[in-house]
């Protein structure tokens, strides 16, 4: 089954400048944990053990985070602060990390294609760390999607309903509901204006992709914004076979925006206080 998760992490994070001038946006912390670690932990919970990360210039902090810091560990060994590293030690012990660079920023489709050498010819998951998800009622979003994949064996995108006036910020799908909360994709548009949107069902940063997507991306021409859009490639895949939109259980925070980042921080702070 699916064992690899791809993390596109080469973006500049311009909406968080000047904070992201020297710090990767994926390393911005919600409480004491960087966004990317939340994503890796979600992948581990779903049973994935190989993390493939597409980085760019100025992203070395990502590699350093998912590595052992011998000097730091030596300094706090035996002190009351040692337990602060317990979580990240467990993450490092449960999976392996591999990295490649996206030389030019040409869109999400291009970023995923840049990770082909790390994935190979097998189905894989994609997590965008900007979309921080939590489900207090059960399994995480990726775990839910893995269960759908086991049944249908095709590409799947996570979707949620959004206000129609916000469709120009997302990829948007239209499709036929084949099970409760599960849609067979018939149309998919990248950031349509509200009057042109086929629905209010927006794609969020969780995907399961079959390996034929790489060849499709290679043949996909630049679309919205002059970038190679994964939505365009997925629409081609949907027309050739089947792509599903899955309405997940849980809460998503758009941590690519300052408002969403603050909302996530407040949410997880309150959650930690309640859980003691």
C-alpha atoms as a PDB file:
ATOM      1  CA  UNK A   1       0.000   0.000   0.000  1.00  0.00           C
ATOM      2  CA  UNK A   2       0.991   3.641   0.249  1.00  0.00           C
ATOM      3  CA  UNK A   3       4.188   4.239   2.206  1.00  0.00           C
ATOM      4  CA  UNK A   4       5.551   7.546   0.868  1.00  0.00           C
ATOM      5  CA  UNK A   5       4.393  11.088   1.516  1.00  0.00           C
ATOM      6  CA  UNK A   6       5.585  14.036  -0.560  1.00  0.00           C
ATOM      7  CA  UNK A   7       5.894  17.484   1.014  1.00  0.00           C
ATOM      8  CA  UNK A   8       6.300  20.366  -1.449  1.00  0.00           C
ATOM      9  CA  UNK A   9       8.288  22.859   0.636  1.00  0.00           C
ATOM     10  CA  UNK A  10      10.125  25.126  -1.780  1.00  0.00           C
ATOM     11  CA  UNK A  11       7.845  28.177  -1.659  1.00  0.00           C
ATOM     12  CA  UNK A  12       9.026  31.570  -0.459  1.00  0.00           C
ATOM     13  CA  UNK A  13       6.286  32.270   2.100  1.00  0.00           C
ATOM     14  CA  UNK A  14       6.011  35.893   0.983  1.00  0.00           C
ATOM     15  CA  UNK A  15       2.838  36.505   2.998  1.00  0.00           C
ATOM     16  CA  UNK A  16       4.927  36.085   6.164  1.00  0.00           C
ATOM     17  CA  UNK A  17       7.803  38.393   5.284  1.00  0.00           C
ATOM     18  CA  UNK A  18      10.001  39.499   6.914  1.00  0.00           C
ATOM     19  CA  UNK A  19       9.729  36.424   9.208  1.00  0.00           C
ATOM     20  CA  UNK A  20      10.303  34.067   6.273  1.00  0.00           C
ATOM     21  CA  UNK A  21      13.291  35.956   4.866  1.00  0.00           C
ATOM     22  CA  UNK A  22      15.628  33.517   6.631  1.00  0.00           C
ATOM     23  CA  UNK A  23      13.210  30.950   8.096  1.00  0.00           C
ATOM     24  CA  UNK A  24      11.332  28.484   5.857  1.00  0.00           C
ATOM     25  CA  UNK A  25       7.592  29.082   6.147  1.00  0.00           C
ATOM     26  CA  UNK A  26       7.165  25.357   6.818  1.00  0.00           C
ATOM     27  CA  UNK A  27       9.237  25.833   9.981  1.00  0.00           C
ATOM     28  CA  UNK A  28       7.019  28.546  11.449  1.00  0.00           C
ATOM     29  CA  UNK A  29       5.806  27.156  14.787  1.00  0.00           C
ATOM     30  CA  UNK A  30       2.253  26.704  15.931  1.00  0.00           C
ATOM     31  CA  UNK A  31       2.946  26.715  19.665  1.00  0.00           C
ATOM     32  CA  UNK A  32       6.259  24.836  19.971  1.00  0.00           C
ATOM     33  CA  UNK A  33       6.076  22.674  16.854  1.00  0.00           C
ATOM     34  CA  UNK A  34       6.767  23.695  13.234  1.00  0.00           C
ATOM     35  CA  UNK A  35       4.032  23.317  10.636  1.00  0.00           C
ATOM     36  CA  UNK A  36       5.954  20.656   8.741  1.00  0.00           C
ATOM     37  CA  UNK A  37       6.233  18.444  11.816  1.00  0.00           C
ATOM     38  CA  UNK A  38       2.451  18.445  12.202  1.00  0.00           C
ATOM     39  CA  UNK A  39       2.219  17.204   8.616  1.00  0.00           C
ATOM     40  CA  UNK A  40       4.837  14.497   9.128  1.00  0.00           C
ATOM     41  CA  UNK A  41       3.040  13.289  12.255  1.00  0.00           C
ATOM     42  CA  UNK A  42      -0.231  13.090  10.288  1.00  0.00           C
ATOM     43  CA  UNK A  43       1.521  10.964   7.659  1.00  0.00           C
ATOM     44  CA  UNK A  44       2.993   8.660  10.318  1.00  0.00           C
ATOM     45  CA  UNK A  45      -0.448   8.225  11.885  1.00  0.00           C
ATOM     46  CA  UNK A  46      -1.714   7.140   8.444  1.00  0.00           C
ATOM     47  CA  UNK A  47       0.926   4.394   8.301  1.00  0.00           C
ATOM     48  CA  UNK A  48       3.428   6.123   6.013  1.00  0.00           C
ATOM     49  CA  UNK A  49       7.108   5.796   6.867  1.00  0.00           C
ATOM     50  CA  UNK A  50       8.990   7.529   4.033  1.00  0.00           C
ATOM     51  CA  UNK A  51       8.879  11.318   3.877  1.00  0.00           C
ATOM     52  CA  UNK A  52       9.973  12.884   0.582  1.00  0.00           C
ATOM     53  CA  UNK A  53      10.517  16.623   0.866  1.00  0.00           C
ATOM     54  CA  UNK A  54      10.894  18.989  -2.099  1.00  0.00           C
ATOM     55  CA  UNK A  55      12.914  21.965  -0.868  1.00  0.00           C
ATOM     56  CA  UNK A  56      14.644  25.002  -2.348  1.00  0.00           C
ATOM     57  CA  UNK A  57      17.325  27.503  -1.513  1.00  0.00           C
ATOM     58  CA  UNK A  58      17.356  28.645   2.101  1.00  0.00           C
ATOM     59  CA  UNK A  59      15.547  25.579   3.415  1.00  0.00           C
ATOM     60  CA  UNK A  60      18.369  23.824   5.255  1.00  0.00           C
ATOM     61  CA  UNK A  61      16.559  24.305   8.571  1.00  0.00           C
ATOM     62  CA  UNK A  62      14.100  21.604   7.455  1.00  0.00           C
ATOM     63  CA  UNK A  63      16.837  18.998   7.109  1.00  0.00           C
ATOM     64  CA  UNK A  64      18.404  20.065  10.393  1.00  0.00           C
ATOM     65  CA  UNK A  65      15.084  19.789  12.225  1.00  0.00           C
ATOM     66  CA  UNK A  66      14.544  16.172  11.182  1.00  0.00           C
ATOM     67  CA  UNK A  67      18.026  15.181  12.301  1.00  0.00           C
ATOM     68  CA  UNK A  68      19.718  14.601  15.639  1.00  0.00           C
ATOM     69  CA  UNK A  69      21.408  17.626  17.182  1.00  0.00           C
ATOM     70  CA  UNK A  70      24.150  16.008  19.226  1.00  0.00           C
ATOM     71  CA  UNK A  71      25.367  19.229  20.800  1.00  0.00           C
ATOM     72  CA  UNK A  72      21.875  20.261  21.924  1.00  0.00           C
ATOM     73  CA  UNK A  73      21.081  16.788  23.225  1.00  0.00           C
ATOM     74  CA  UNK A  74      24.350  16.711  25.147  1.00  0.00           C
ATOM     75  CA  UNK A  75      23.647  20.114  26.705  1.00  0.00           C
ATOM     76  CA  UNK A  76      20.194  19.203  28.038  1.00  0.00           C
ATOM     77  CA  UNK A  77      20.778  15.505  28.800  1.00  0.00           C
ATOM     78  CA  UNK A  78      19.757  14.726  32.357  1.00  0.00           C
ATOM     79  CA  UNK A  79      18.070  18.107  32.872  1.00  0.00           C
ATOM     80  CA  UNK A  80      14.413  19.032  33.232  1.00  0.00           C
ATOM     81  CA  UNK A  81      14.447  20.233  29.610  1.00  0.00           C
ATOM     82  CA  UNK A  82      15.319  16.871  28.056  1.00  0.00           C
ATOM     83  CA  UNK A  83      11.665  15.891  27.589  1.00  0.00           C
ATOM     84  CA  UNK A  84      11.145  18.754  25.122  1.00  0.00           C
ATOM     85  CA  UNK A  85      12.898  16.683  22.448  1.00  0.00           C
ATOM     86  CA  UNK A  86      10.869  13.512  23.046  1.00  0.00           C
ATOM     87  CA  UNK A  87       8.315  14.135  20.273  1.00  0.00           C
ATOM     88  CA  UNK A  88      10.805  14.959  17.548  1.00  0.00           C
ATOM     89  CA  UNK A  89      13.033  12.034  18.550  1.00  0.00           C
ATOM     90  CA  UNK A  90      10.042   9.707  18.109  1.00  0.00           C
ATOM     91  CA  UNK A  91       9.285  11.193  14.686  1.00  0.00           C
ATOM     92  CA  UNK A  92      12.886  10.738  13.523  1.00  0.00           C
ATOM     93  CA  UNK A  93      12.856   7.147  14.772  1.00  0.00           C
ATOM     94  CA  UNK A  94       9.650   6.171  12.981  1.00  0.00           C
ATOM     95  CA  UNK A  95      10.443   7.232   9.423  1.00  0.00           C
ATOM     96  CA  UNK A  96      13.109   8.125   6.916  1.00  0.00           C
ATOM     97  CA  UNK A  97      13.552  11.464   5.154  1.00  0.00           C
ATOM     98  CA  UNK A  98      14.800  12.176   1.648  1.00  0.00           C
ATOM     99  CA  UNK A  99      15.195  15.526  -0.075  1.00  0.00           C
ATOM    100  CA  UNK A 100      15.401  17.040  -3.517  1.00  0.00           C
ATOM    101  CA  UNK A 101      15.365  20.645  -4.715  1.00  0.00           C
ATOM    102  CA  UNK A 102      12.882  22.427  -6.927  1.00  0.00           C
ATOM    103  CA  UNK A 103      15.200  24.709  -8.878  1.00  0.00           C
ATOM    104  CA  UNK A 104      12.470  27.025 -10.209  1.00  0.00           C
ATOM    105  CA  UNK A 105       9.082  27.856  -8.692  1.00  0.00           C
ATOM    106  CA  UNK A 106       6.660  26.798 -11.442  1.00  0.00           C
ATOM    107  CA  UNK A 107       3.593  25.822  -9.469  1.00  0.00           C
ATOM    108  CA  UNK A 108       2.404  22.884  -7.384  1.00  0.00           C
ATOM    109  CA  UNK A 109       2.263  20.528 -10.349  1.00  0.00           C
ATOM    110  CA  UNK A 110       5.918  21.220 -11.079  1.00  0.00           C
ATOM    111  CA  UNK A 111       6.829  20.804  -7.399  1.00  0.00           C
ATOM    112  CA  UNK A 112       5.189  17.373  -7.329  1.00  0.00           C
ATOM    113  CA  UNK A 113       6.965  16.408 -10.553  1.00  0.00           C
ATOM    114  CA  UNK A 114      10.258  17.492  -8.954  1.00  0.00           C
ATOM    115  CA  UNK A 115       9.665  14.811  -6.314  1.00  0.00           C
ATOM    116  CA  UNK A 116       9.328  11.967  -8.827  1.00  0.00           C
ATOM    117  CA  UNK A 117      12.864  10.752  -8.217  1.00  0.00           C
ATOM    118  CA  UNK A 118      12.027  10.306  -4.512  1.00  0.00           C
ATOM    119  CA  UNK A 119       8.700   8.548  -5.137  1.00  0.00           C
ATOM    120  CA  UNK A 120       9.277   6.215  -8.065  1.00  0.00           C
ATOM    121  CA  UNK A 121       6.511   4.180  -9.690  1.00  0.00           C
ATOM    122  CA  UNK A 122       4.079   3.799  -6.798  1.00  0.00           C
ATOM    123  CA  UNK A 123       1.051   5.601  -5.361  1.00  0.00           C
ATOM    124  CA  UNK A 124       1.859   8.289  -2.816  1.00  0.00           C
ATOM    125  CA  UNK A 125       0.360  10.946  -0.586  1.00  0.00           C
ATOM    126  CA  UNK A 126       0.951  14.698  -0.726  1.00  0.00           C
ATOM    127  CA  UNK A 127       0.658  17.027   2.251  1.00  0.00           C
ATOM    128  CA  UNK A 128       0.879  20.804   2.006  1.00  0.00           C
ATOM    129  CA  UNK A 129       2.097  21.892   5.435  1.00  0.00           C
ATOM    130  CA  UNK A 130       0.323  25.271   5.049  1.00  0.00           C
ATOM    131  CA  UNK A 131      -2.962  23.432   5.538  1.00  0.00           C
ATOM    132  CA  UNK A 132      -2.841  22.343   9.164  1.00  0.00           C
ATOM    133  CA  UNK A 133      -5.571  19.809   9.937  1.00  0.00           C
ATOM    134  CA  UNK A 134      -6.894  18.361  13.185  1.00  0.00           C
ATOM    135  CA  UNK A 135      -9.623  15.854  13.912  1.00  0.00           C
ATOM    136  CA  UNK A 136     -10.561  15.451  17.552  1.00  0.00           C
ATOM    137  CA  UNK A 137     -13.245  12.861  16.715  1.00  0.00           C
ATOM    138  CA  UNK A 138     -11.047  10.195  15.151  1.00  0.00           C
ATOM    139  CA  UNK A 139      -8.410   9.585  12.512  1.00  0.00           C
ATOM    140  CA  UNK A 140      -6.499  12.365  10.774  1.00  0.00           C
ATOM    141  CA  UNK A 141      -7.371  13.505   7.265  1.00  0.00           C
ATOM    142  CA  UNK A 142      -4.714  11.403   5.538  1.00  0.00           C
ATOM    143  CA  UNK A 143      -5.759   8.267   7.449  1.00  0.00           C
ATOM    144  CA  UNK A 144      -9.320   8.820   6.255  1.00  0.00           C
ATOM    145  CA  UNK A 145      -8.122   9.187   2.668  1.00  0.00           C
ATOM    146  CA  UNK A 146      -6.023   6.015   2.864  1.00  0.00           C
ATOM    147  CA  UNK A 147      -9.197   4.066   3.719  1.00  0.00           C
ATOM    148  CA  UNK A 148     -10.905   5.495   0.628  1.00  0.00           C
ATOM    149  CA  UNK A 149      -7.885   4.610  -1.510  1.00  0.00           C
ATOM    150  CA  UNK A 150      -7.966   0.999  -0.319  1.00  0.00           C
ATOM    151  CA  UNK A 151     -11.444   0.693  -1.822  1.00  0.00           C
ATOM    152  CA  UNK A 152     -11.100   2.680  -5.051  1.00  0.00           C
ATOM    153  CA  UNK A 153      -7.347   2.575  -5.934  1.00  0.00           C
ATOM    154  CA  UNK A 154      -7.347   5.958  -7.685  1.00  0.00           C
ATOM    155  CA  UNK A 155      -6.209   9.537  -7.112  1.00  0.00           C
ATOM    156  CA  UNK A 156      -8.088  11.374  -4.357  1.00  0.00           C
ATOM    157  CA  UNK A 157      -8.224  15.039  -3.366  1.00  0.00           C
ATOM    158  CA  UNK A 158      -9.442  16.287   0.012  1.00  0.00           C
ATOM    159  CA  UNK A 159     -12.231  18.842  -0.309  1.00  0.00           C
ATOM    160  CA  UNK A 160     -14.274  21.120   1.902  1.00  0.00           C
ATOM    161  CA  UNK A 161     -17.135  23.494   1.277  1.00  0.00           C
ATOM    162  CA  UNK A 162     -16.140  27.152   1.315  1.00  0.00           C
ATOM    163  CA  UNK A 163     -18.017  30.439   0.897  1.00  0.00           C
ATOM    164  CA  UNK A 164     -18.563  30.935  -2.840  1.00  0.00           C
ATOM    165  CA  UNK A 165     -16.831  34.327  -2.737  1.00  0.00           C
ATOM    166  CA  UNK A 166     -13.541  32.602  -1.807  1.00  0.00           C
ATOM    167  CA  UNK A 167     -13.315  30.249  -4.798  1.00  0.00           C
ATOM    168  CA  UNK A 168     -10.609  32.408  -6.424  1.00  0.00           C
ATOM    169  CA  UNK A 169      -8.182  31.215  -3.727  1.00  0.00           C
ATOM    170  CA  UNK A 170      -8.565  27.460  -4.360  1.00  0.00           C
ATOM    171  CA  UNK A 171      -8.818  24.705  -6.886  1.00  0.00           C
ATOM    172  CA  UNK A 172     -12.524  23.879  -7.104  1.00  0.00           C
ATOM    173  CA  UNK A 173     -14.198  20.622  -8.173  1.00  0.00           C
ATOM    174  CA  UNK A 174     -17.586  19.549  -9.430  1.00  0.00           C
ATOM    175  CA  UNK A 175     -18.735  15.955  -9.476  1.00  0.00           C
ATOM    176  CA  UNK A 176     -21.330  13.304  -8.758  1.00  0.00           C
ATOM    177  CA  UNK A 177     -21.713  12.053  -5.197  1.00  0.00           C
ATOM    178  CA  UNK A 178     -21.163   8.280  -5.250  1.00  0.00           C
ATOM    179  CA  UNK A 179     -21.105   7.825  -1.480  1.00  0.00           C
ATOM    180  CA  UNK A 180     -21.833  10.193   1.361  1.00  0.00           C
ATOM    181  CA  UNK A 181     -19.117  12.859   1.161  1.00  0.00           C
ATOM    182  CA  UNK A 182     -17.360  11.168  -1.790  1.00  0.00           C
ATOM    183  CA  UNK A 183     -17.545  12.680  -5.281  1.00  0.00           C
ATOM    184  CA  UNK A 184     -16.442  11.417  -8.680  1.00  0.00           C
ATOM    185  CA  UNK A 185     -14.734  14.451 -10.205  1.00  0.00           C
ATOM    186  CA  UNK A 186     -16.185  15.704 -13.476  1.00  0.00           C
ATOM    187  CA  UNK A 187     -14.654  19.172 -13.532  1.00  0.00           C
ATOM    188  CA  UNK A 188     -11.790  20.903 -11.738  1.00  0.00           C
ATOM    189  CA  UNK A 189     -10.811  24.561 -12.071  1.00  0.00           C
ATOM    190  CA  UNK A 190      -7.889  26.441 -10.542  1.00  0.00           C
ATOM    191  CA  UNK A 191      -8.884  29.612  -8.633  1.00  0.00           C
ATOM    192  CA  UNK A 192     -12.046  30.470 -10.573  1.00  0.00           C
ATOM    193  CA  UNK A 193     -13.880  33.712  -9.949  1.00  0.00           C
ATOM    194  CA  UNK A 194     -17.088  33.075  -7.961  1.00  0.00           C
ATOM    195  CA  UNK A 195     -19.308  33.511 -11.017  1.00  0.00           C
ATOM    196  CA  UNK A 196     -17.250  30.928 -12.933  1.00  0.00           C
ATOM    197  CA  UNK A 197     -16.808  28.347 -10.156  1.00  0.00           C
ATOM    198  CA  UNK A 198     -18.405  24.940 -10.860  1.00  0.00           C
ATOM    199  CA  UNK A 199     -19.254  24.532  -7.135  1.00  0.00           C
ATOM    200  CA  UNK A 200     -18.108  25.668  -3.701  1.00  0.00           C
ATOM    201  CA  UNK A 201     -16.125  22.477  -3.030  1.00  0.00           C
ATOM    202  CA  UNK A 202     -12.485  23.509  -2.671  1.00  0.00           C
ATOM    203  CA  UNK A 203      -9.407  21.299  -2.785  1.00  0.00           C
ATOM    204  CA  UNK A 204      -7.233  21.564   0.328  1.00  0.00           C
ATOM    205  CA  UNK A 205      -3.649  20.437   0.810  1.00  0.00           C
ATOM    206  CA  UNK A 206      -4.109  16.657   1.003  1.00  0.00           C
ATOM    207  CA  UNK A 207      -3.815  14.362  -2.004  1.00  0.00           C
ATOM    208  CA  UNK A 208      -3.326  10.720  -2.807  1.00  0.00           C
ATOM    209  CA  UNK A 209      -1.909  10.328  -6.309  1.00  0.00           C
ATOM    210  CA  UNK A 210      -1.276   7.355  -8.542  1.00  0.00           C
ATOM    211  CA  UNK A 211       2.141   7.350 -10.283  1.00  0.00           C
ATOM    212  CA  UNK A 212       0.765   7.963 -13.781  1.00  0.00           C
ATOM    213  CA  UNK A 213       0.258  11.561 -12.614  1.00  0.00           C
ATOM    214  CA  UNK A 214       3.949  12.237 -13.313  1.00  0.00           C
ATOM    215  CA  UNK A 215       3.613  11.627 -17.059  1.00  0.00           C
ATOM    216  CA  UNK A 216       0.407  13.652 -17.114  1.00  0.00           C
ATOM    217  CA  UNK A 217       2.126  16.602 -15.378  1.00  0.00           C
ATOM    218  CA  UNK A 218       4.964  16.403 -17.908  1.00  0.00           C
ATOM    219  CA  UNK A 219       2.429  16.897 -20.701  1.00  0.00           C
ATOM    220  CA  UNK A 220       0.473  19.626 -18.876  1.00  0.00           C
ATOM    221  CA  UNK A 221       0.959  23.134 -20.218  1.00  0.00           C
ATOM    222  CA  UNK A 222       1.260  26.105 -17.835  1.00  0.00           C
ATOM    223  CA  UNK A 223      -2.157  27.346 -16.759  1.00  0.00           C
ATOM    224  CA  UNK A 224      -3.366  29.934 -14.247  1.00  0.00           C
ATOM    225  CA  UNK A 225      -0.565  32.368 -13.386  1.00  0.00           C
ATOM    226  CA  UNK A 226       1.764  30.748 -15.920  1.00  0.00           C
ATOM    227  CA  UNK A 227       2.328  27.833 -13.533  1.00  0.00           C
ATOM    228  CA  UNK A 228       1.942  24.087 -14.009  1.00  0.00           C
ATOM    229  CA  UNK A 229      -1.182  23.397 -11.993  1.00  0.00           C
ATOM    230  CA  UNK A 230      -1.851  20.038 -10.354  1.00  0.00           C
ATOM    231  CA  UNK A 231      -5.584  20.710 -10.873  1.00  0.00           C
ATOM    232  CA  UNK A 232      -5.080  20.709 -14.654  1.00  0.00           C
ATOM    233  CA  UNK A 233      -3.186  17.412 -14.484  1.00  0.00           C
ATOM    234  CA  UNK A 234      -5.814  15.864 -12.214  1.00  0.00           C
ATOM    235  CA  UNK A 235      -8.622  16.922 -14.550  1.00  0.00           C
ATOM    236  CA  UNK A 236      -6.836  15.113 -17.381  1.00  0.00           C
ATOM    237  CA  UNK A 237      -6.493  12.069 -15.137  1.00  0.00           C
ATOM    238  CA  UNK A 238     -10.195  12.270 -14.208  1.00  0.00           C
ATOM    239  CA  UNK A 239     -11.203  12.291 -17.872  1.00  0.00           C
ATOM    240  CA  UNK A 240      -9.000   9.281 -18.620  1.00  0.00           C
ATOM    241  CA  UNK A 241      -9.996   7.290 -15.559  1.00  0.00           C
ATOM    242  CA  UNK A 242     -11.227   8.310 -12.124  1.00  0.00           C
ATOM    243  CA  UNK A 243     -10.361  10.968  -9.536  1.00  0.00           C
ATOM    244  CA  UNK A 244     -12.342  11.283  -6.312  1.00  0.00           C
ATOM    245  CA  UNK A 245     -13.069  14.293  -4.117  1.00  0.00           C
ATOM    246  CA  UNK A 246     -13.310  13.350  -0.445  1.00  0.00           C
ATOM    247  CA  UNK A 247     -15.084  15.541   2.094  1.00  0.00           C
ATOM    248  CA  UNK A 248     -12.989  14.856   5.186  1.00  0.00           C
ATOM    249  CA  UNK A 249     -13.862  14.910   8.864  1.00  0.00           C
ATOM    250  CA  UNK A 250     -11.970  17.475  10.916  1.00  0.00           C
ATOM    251  CA  UNK A 251     -10.897  21.102  10.968  1.00  0.00           C
ATOM    252  CA  UNK A 252      -8.480  22.811   8.589  1.00  0.00           C
ATOM    253  CA  UNK A 253      -6.483  25.982   9.180  1.00  0.00           C
ATOM    254  CA  UNK A 254      -5.028  27.966   6.285  1.00  0.00           C
ATOM    255  CA  UNK A 255      -1.649  28.653   7.858  1.00  0.00           C
ATOM    256  CA  UNK A 256      -0.466  30.203   4.625  1.00  0.00           C
ATOM    257  CA  UNK A 257      -2.359  33.291   5.766  1.00  0.00           C
ATOM    258  CA  UNK A 258      -1.716  35.313   8.916  1.00  0.00           C
ATOM    259  CA  UNK A 259      -5.373  35.059   9.967  1.00  0.00           C
ATOM    260  CA  UNK A 260      -5.377  31.269   9.625  1.00  0.00           C
ATOM    261  CA  UNK A 261      -2.043  30.978  11.396  1.00  0.00           C
ATOM    262  CA  UNK A 262      -3.301  32.968  14.384  1.00  0.00           C
ATOM    263  CA  UNK A 263      -6.546  30.970  14.421  1.00  0.00           C
ATOM    264  CA  UNK A 264      -4.569  27.701  14.466  1.00  0.00           C
ATOM    265  CA  UNK A 265      -2.321  28.952  17.268  1.00  0.00           C
ATOM    266  CA  UNK A 266      -5.313  29.888  19.416  1.00  0.00           C
ATOM    267  CA  UNK A 267      -7.065  26.585  18.645  1.00  0.00           C
ATOM    268  CA  UNK A 268      -4.099  24.392  19.572  1.00  0.00           C
ATOM    269  CA  UNK A 269      -3.316  26.494  22.641  1.00  0.00           C
ATOM    270  CA  UNK A 270      -6.864  26.006  23.922  1.00  0.00           C
ATOM    271  CA  UNK A 271      -6.770  22.304  23.029  1.00  0.00           C
ATOM    272  CA  UNK A 272      -3.500  21.815  24.938  1.00  0.00           C
ATOM    273  CA  UNK A 273      -4.907  23.598  27.974  1.00  0.00           C
ATOM    274  CA  UNK A 274      -8.029  21.415  27.974  1.00  0.00           C
ATOM    275  CA  UNK A 275      -5.955  18.231  27.605  1.00  0.00           C
ATOM    276  CA  UNK A 276      -3.673  19.361  30.419  1.00  0.00           C
END
